[in-house]
Amino acid sequence: MNQLLITVIVAALLILILKSYADRRAKQYTQQRYPDVWRDIAKARGGLIAALHLSLKAGLLNQKQDQYLIRYRRHIHWLKAAALLLLAFTVALGFYR
């Protein structure tokens, strides 16, 4: 059981590290490639990454057909799915115990 718990913790940390790295790279890319859009994003009050995600969903970045941003959106989608699966696994593990 302890081995399984350590595996879940390591998987959660890996997801967090990958998400943080992807967000940082997307932030740098957006700053360099779309400085006008980045100025609007930087003015947001809810946090830069949240504003970046919102802009990708429904804002100015959604209108751009950039391969990097499309790939970033897909990676974030799969990281969120992995996090939800890990959460479901952890809850199921709690009921099993």
N, C-alpha and C. Protein backbone atom coordinates (compact mmCIF):
# COMPACT_ATOMS: atom_id res chain seq x y z
N MET A 1 0.82 -1.20 0.00
CA MET A 1 0.00 0.00 0.00
C MET A 1 0.86 1.26 0.00
N ASN A 2 1.96 1.25 0.76
CA ASN A 2 2.84 2.41 0.79
C ASN A 2 3.49 2.64 -0.57
N GLN A 3 3.84 1.57 -1.24
CA GLN A 3 4.44 1.67 -2.58
C GLN A 3 3.45 2.32 -3.55
N LEU A 4 2.19 1.97 -3.45
CA LEU A 4 1.16 2.54 -4.31
C LEU A 4 0.96 4.02 -4.01
N LEU A 5 0.98 4.37 -2.74
CA LEU A 5 0.83 5.77 -2.35
C LEU A 5 2.00 6.61 -2.86
N ILE A 6 3.19 6.09 -2.77
CA ILE A 6 4.37 6.79 -3.29
C ILE A 6 4.26 6.96 -4.80
N THR A 7 3.77 5.95 -5.49
CA THR A 7 3.59 6.04 -6.94
C THR A 7 2.59 7.12 -7.30
N VAL A 8 1.50 7.22 -6.56
CA VAL A 8 0.48 8.25 -6.82
C VAL A 8 1.07 9.63 -6.59
N ILE A 9 1.83 9.80 -5.53
CA ILE A 9 2.45 11.10 -5.23
C ILE A 9 3.44 11.49 -6.31
N VAL A 10 4.26 10.55 -6.74
CA VAL A 10 5.24 10.83 -7.79
C VAL A 10 4.54 11.18 -9.10
N ALA A 11 3.46 10.47 -9.42
CA ALA A 11 2.71 10.78 -10.64
C ALA A 11 2.10 12.18 -10.57
N ALA A 12 1.57 12.55 -9.42
CA ALA A 12 1.00 13.89 -9.26
C ALA A 12 2.07 14.96 -9.41
N LEU A 13 3.23 14.74 -8.82
CA LEU A 13 4.33 15.70 -8.96
C LEU A 13 4.80 15.81 -10.40
N LEU A 14 4.85 14.69 -11.10
CA LEU A 14 5.24 14.70 -12.51
C LEU A 14 4.25 15.51 -13.35
N ILE A 15 2.96 15.33 -13.09
CA ILE A 15 1.94 16.10 -13.81
C ILE A 15 2.10 17.59 -13.54
N LEU A 16 2.33 17.95 -12.28
CA LEU A 16 2.52 19.36 -11.93
C LEU A 16 3.76 19.95 -12.60
N ILE A 17 4.84 19.20 -12.62
CA ILE A 17 6.07 19.69 -13.25
C ILE A 17 5.87 19.87 -14.74
N LEU A 18 5.24 18.90 -15.40
CA LEU A 18 5.00 19.00 -16.84
C LEU A 18 4.08 20.17 -17.18
N LYS A 19 3.04 20.38 -16.38
CA LYS A 19 2.11 21.49 -16.60
C LYS A 19 2.82 22.82 -16.41
N SER A 20 3.62 22.92 -15.37
CA SER A 20 4.35 24.16 -15.10
C SER A 20 5.33 24.47 -16.24
N TYR A 21 6.02 23.45 -16.72
CA TYR A 21 6.95 23.65 -17.83
C TYR A 21 6.23 24.08 -19.10
N ALA A 22 5.12 23.42 -19.40
CA ALA A 22 4.35 23.78 -20.61
C ALA A 22 3.80 25.20 -20.50
N ASP A 23 3.31 25.58 -19.32
CA ASP A 23 2.80 26.94 -19.15
C ASP A 23 3.90 27.98 -19.32
N ARG A 24 5.06 27.71 -18.76
CA ARG A 24 6.18 28.66 -18.87
C ARG A 24 6.61 28.82 -20.33
N ARG A 25 6.69 27.71 -21.05
CA ARG A 25 7.09 27.78 -22.47
C ARG A 25 6.04 28.52 -23.30
N ALA A 26 4.76 28.28 -23.02
CA ALA A 26 3.70 28.98 -23.76
C ALA A 26 3.72 30.47 -23.46
N LYS A 27 4.00 30.82 -22.22
CA LYS A 27 4.11 32.22 -21.85
C LYS A 27 5.24 32.90 -22.62
N GLN A 28 6.40 32.27 -22.65
CA GLN A 28 7.54 32.82 -23.38
C GLN A 28 7.24 32.93 -24.88
N TYR A 29 6.65 31.90 -25.43
CA TYR A 29 6.32 31.89 -26.85
C TYR A 29 5.34 33.00 -27.20
N THR A 30 4.31 33.16 -26.38
CA THR A 30 3.31 34.19 -26.63
C THR A 30 3.91 35.58 -26.51
N GLN A 31 4.79 35.77 -25.53
CA GLN A 31 5.45 37.06 -25.38
C GLN A 31 6.26 37.43 -26.61
N GLN A 32 6.95 36.46 -27.17
CA GLN A 32 7.80 36.72 -28.33
C GLN A 32 7.02 36.81 -29.63
N ARG A 33 6.06 35.93 -29.82
CA ARG A 33 5.35 35.84 -31.10
C ARG A 33 4.20 36.83 -31.23
N TYR A 34 3.48 37.07 -30.14
CA TYR A 34 2.32 37.94 -30.17
C TYR A 34 2.40 38.98 -29.04
N PRO A 35 3.29 39.96 -29.17
CA PRO A 35 3.46 40.93 -28.08
C PRO A 35 2.21 41.78 -27.83
N ASP A 36 1.44 42.07 -28.86
CA ASP A 36 0.23 42.87 -28.67
C ASP A 36 -0.82 42.10 -27.86
N VAL A 37 -0.97 40.82 -28.14
CA VAL A 37 -1.91 39.99 -27.39
C VAL A 37 -1.38 39.81 -25.97
N TRP A 38 -0.06 39.67 -25.84
CA TRP A 38 0.51 39.46 -24.51
C TRP A 38 0.28 40.67 -23.61
N ARG A 39 0.33 41.87 -24.17
CA ARG A 39 0.07 43.07 -23.36
C ARG A 39 -1.34 43.02 -22.78
N ASP A 40 -2.30 42.57 -23.56
CA ASP A 40 -3.67 42.44 -23.05
C ASP A 40 -3.76 41.35 -21.98
N ILE A 41 -3.06 40.26 -22.19
CA ILE A 41 -3.08 39.17 -21.22
C ILE A 41 -2.43 39.60 -19.92
N ALA A 42 -1.34 40.36 -20.01
CA ALA A 42 -0.60 40.78 -18.82
C ALA A 42 -1.41 41.71 -17.93
N LYS A 43 -2.41 42.35 -18.49
CA LYS A 43 -3.25 43.26 -17.71
C LYS A 43 -4.33 42.54 -16.91
N ALA A 44 -4.49 41.26 -17.14
CA ALA A 44 -5.55 40.49 -16.47
C ALA A 44 -5.26 40.38 -14.97
N ARG A 45 -6.31 40.33 -14.19
CA ARG A 45 -6.15 40.28 -12.74
C ARG A 45 -6.15 38.87 -12.17
N GLY A 46 -6.64 37.91 -12.89
CA GLY A 46 -6.78 36.56 -12.37
C GLY A 46 -5.52 35.71 -12.46
N GLY A 47 -4.45 36.26 -12.93
CA GLY A 47 -3.21 35.51 -13.10
C GLY A 47 -2.89 35.35 -14.57
N LEU A 48 -1.61 35.32 -14.86
CA LEU A 48 -1.17 35.27 -16.26
C LEU A 48 -1.54 33.95 -16.95
N ILE A 49 -1.33 32.85 -16.26
CA ILE A 49 -1.61 31.55 -16.89
C ILE A 49 -3.10 31.37 -17.10
N ALA A 50 -3.90 31.81 -16.13
CA ALA A 50 -5.36 31.72 -16.30
C ALA A 50 -5.81 32.58 -17.47
N ALA A 51 -5.25 33.77 -17.61
CA ALA A 51 -5.59 34.65 -18.72
C ALA A 51 -5.13 34.05 -20.05
N LEU A 52 -3.98 33.40 -20.04
CA LEU A 52 -3.48 32.75 -21.25
C LEU A 52 -4.42 31.63 -21.68
N HIS A 53 -4.87 30.82 -20.72
CA HIS A 53 -5.81 29.73 -21.04
C HIS A 53 -7.14 30.28 -21.53
N LEU A 54 -7.61 31.35 -20.91
CA LEU A 54 -8.87 31.97 -21.34
C LEU A 54 -8.74 32.53 -22.75
N SER A 55 -7.61 33.15 -23.04
CA SER A 55 -7.40 33.70 -24.38
C SER A 55 -7.30 32.58 -25.42
N LEU A 56 -6.74 31.45 -25.03
CA LEU A 56 -6.68 30.31 -25.94
C LEU A 56 -8.06 29.73 -26.21
N LYS A 57 -8.93 29.78 -25.20
CA LYS A 57 -10.28 29.23 -25.36
C LYS A 57 -11.18 30.15 -26.17
N ALA A 58 -11.22 31.44 -25.79
CA ALA A 58 -12.22 32.32 -26.39
C ALA A 58 -11.69 33.69 -26.77
N GLY A 59 -10.42 33.92 -26.63
CA GLY A 59 -9.89 35.25 -26.86
C GLY A 59 -9.15 35.38 -28.18
N LEU A 60 -8.21 36.31 -28.20
CA LEU A 60 -7.47 36.60 -29.42
C LEU A 60 -6.58 35.44 -29.87
N LEU A 61 -6.04 34.69 -28.91
CA LEU A 61 -5.18 33.56 -29.31
C LEU A 61 -5.97 32.43 -29.93
N ASN A 62 -7.26 32.36 -29.65
CA ASN A 62 -8.11 31.33 -30.24
C ASN A 62 -8.21 31.52 -31.75
N GLN A 63 -8.09 32.75 -32.21
CA GLN A 63 -8.21 33.06 -33.64
C GLN A 63 -6.94 32.75 -34.41
N LYS A 64 -5.82 32.58 -33.71
CA LYS A 64 -4.55 32.29 -34.37
C LYS A 64 -4.46 30.80 -34.68
N GLN A 65 -4.02 30.47 -35.85
CA GLN A 65 -3.85 29.07 -36.25
C GLN A 65 -2.38 28.70 -36.15
N ASP A 66 -1.84 28.85 -34.98
CA ASP A 66 -0.43 28.59 -34.72
C ASP A 66 -0.26 27.14 -34.25
N GLN A 67 0.65 26.40 -34.87
CA GLN A 67 0.84 24.99 -34.54
C GLN A 67 1.31 24.79 -33.11
N TYR A 68 2.16 25.69 -32.62
CA TYR A 68 2.65 25.56 -31.25
C TYR A 68 1.50 25.71 -30.25
N LEU A 69 0.64 26.67 -30.47
CA LEU A 69 -0.48 26.89 -29.55
C LEU A 69 -1.49 25.75 -29.60
N ILE A 70 -1.68 25.19 -30.79
CA ILE A 70 -2.58 24.03 -30.92
C ILE A 70 -2.01 22.84 -30.17
N ARG A 71 -0.72 22.61 -30.31
CA ARG A 71 -0.06 21.51 -29.60
C ARG A 71 -0.08 21.75 -28.08
N TYR A 72 0.14 22.99 -27.67
CA TYR A 72 0.09 23.34 -26.25
C TYR A 72 -1.30 23.06 -25.68
N ARG A 73 -2.33 23.46 -26.39
CA ARG A 73 -3.70 23.22 -25.95
C ARG A 73 -3.98 21.72 -25.80
N ARG A 74 -3.49 20.93 -26.76
CA ARG A 74 -3.68 19.48 -26.72
C ARG A 74 -2.92 18.87 -25.54
N HIS A 75 -1.69 19.32 -25.30
CA HIS A 75 -0.91 18.79 -24.17
C HIS A 75 -1.58 19.11 -22.84
N ILE A 76 -2.07 20.34 -22.70
CA ILE A 76 -2.73 20.73 -21.46
C ILE A 76 -3.99 19.90 -21.26
N HIS A 77 -4.70 19.63 -22.35
CA HIS A 77 -5.90 18.80 -22.26
C HIS A 77 -5.56 17.42 -21.70
N TRP A 78 -4.50 16.80 -22.20
CA TRP A 78 -4.13 15.47 -21.74
C TRP A 78 -3.57 15.49 -20.33
N LEU A 79 -2.88 16.55 -19.95
CA LEU A 79 -2.40 16.65 -18.57
C LEU A 79 -3.56 16.78 -17.59
N LYS A 80 -4.58 17.54 -17.98
CA LYS A 80 -5.76 17.66 -17.12
C LYS A 80 -6.49 16.32 -17.02
N ALA A 81 -6.57 15.59 -18.12
CA ALA A 81 -7.21 14.27 -18.11
C ALA A 81 -6.42 13.32 -17.21
N ALA A 82 -5.10 13.37 -17.27
CA ALA A 82 -4.28 12.52 -16.42
C ALA A 82 -4.47 12.88 -14.95
N ALA A 83 -4.59 14.15 -14.66
CA ALA A 83 -4.81 14.58 -13.28
C ALA A 83 -6.16 14.09 -12.76
N LEU A 84 -7.18 14.16 -13.60
CA LEU A 84 -8.50 13.67 -13.19
C LEU A 84 -8.50 12.16 -12.98
N LEU A 85 -7.82 11.43 -13.85
CA LEU A 85 -7.71 9.98 -13.67
C LEU A 85 -6.96 9.63 -12.39
N LEU A 86 -5.92 10.40 -12.10
CA LEU A 86 -5.17 10.18 -10.88
C LEU A 86 -6.03 10.47 -9.65
N LEU A 87 -6.84 11.51 -9.74
CA LEU A 87 -7.76 11.82 -8.65
C LEU A 87 -8.78 10.70 -8.45
N ALA A 88 -9.34 10.22 -9.54
CA ALA A 88 -10.31 9.12 -9.45
C ALA A 88 -9.65 7.87 -8.88
N PHE A 89 -8.43 7.59 -9.29
CA PHE A 89 -7.71 6.44 -8.78
C PHE A 89 -7.45 6.58 -7.29
N THR A 90 -7.09 7.79 -6.85
CA THR A 90 -6.83 8.03 -5.44
C THR A 90 -8.09 7.86 -4.61
N VAL A 91 -9.21 8.35 -5.10
CA VAL A 91 -10.48 8.20 -4.40
C VAL A 91 -10.86 6.71 -4.33
N ALA A 92 -10.72 6.01 -5.44
CA ALA A 92 -11.02 4.58 -5.44
C ALA A 92 -10.09 3.83 -4.48
N LEU A 93 -8.85 4.23 -4.43
CA LEU A 93 -7.90 3.61 -3.51
C LEU A 93 -8.31 3.86 -2.06
N GLY A 94 -8.83 5.05 -1.79
CA GLY A 94 -9.31 5.36 -0.44
C GLY A 94 -10.49 4.50 -0.04
N PHE A 95 -11.41 4.23 -0.97
CA PHE A 95 -12.54 3.37 -0.68
C PHE A 95 -12.12 1.91 -0.53
N TYR A 96 -11.10 1.54 -1.25
CA TYR A 96 -10.61 0.15 -1.18
C TYR A 96 -10.04 -0.15 0.19
N ARG A 97 -9.35 0.82 0.73
CA ARG A 97 -8.70 0.66 2.02
C ARG A 97 -9.76 0.56 3.05
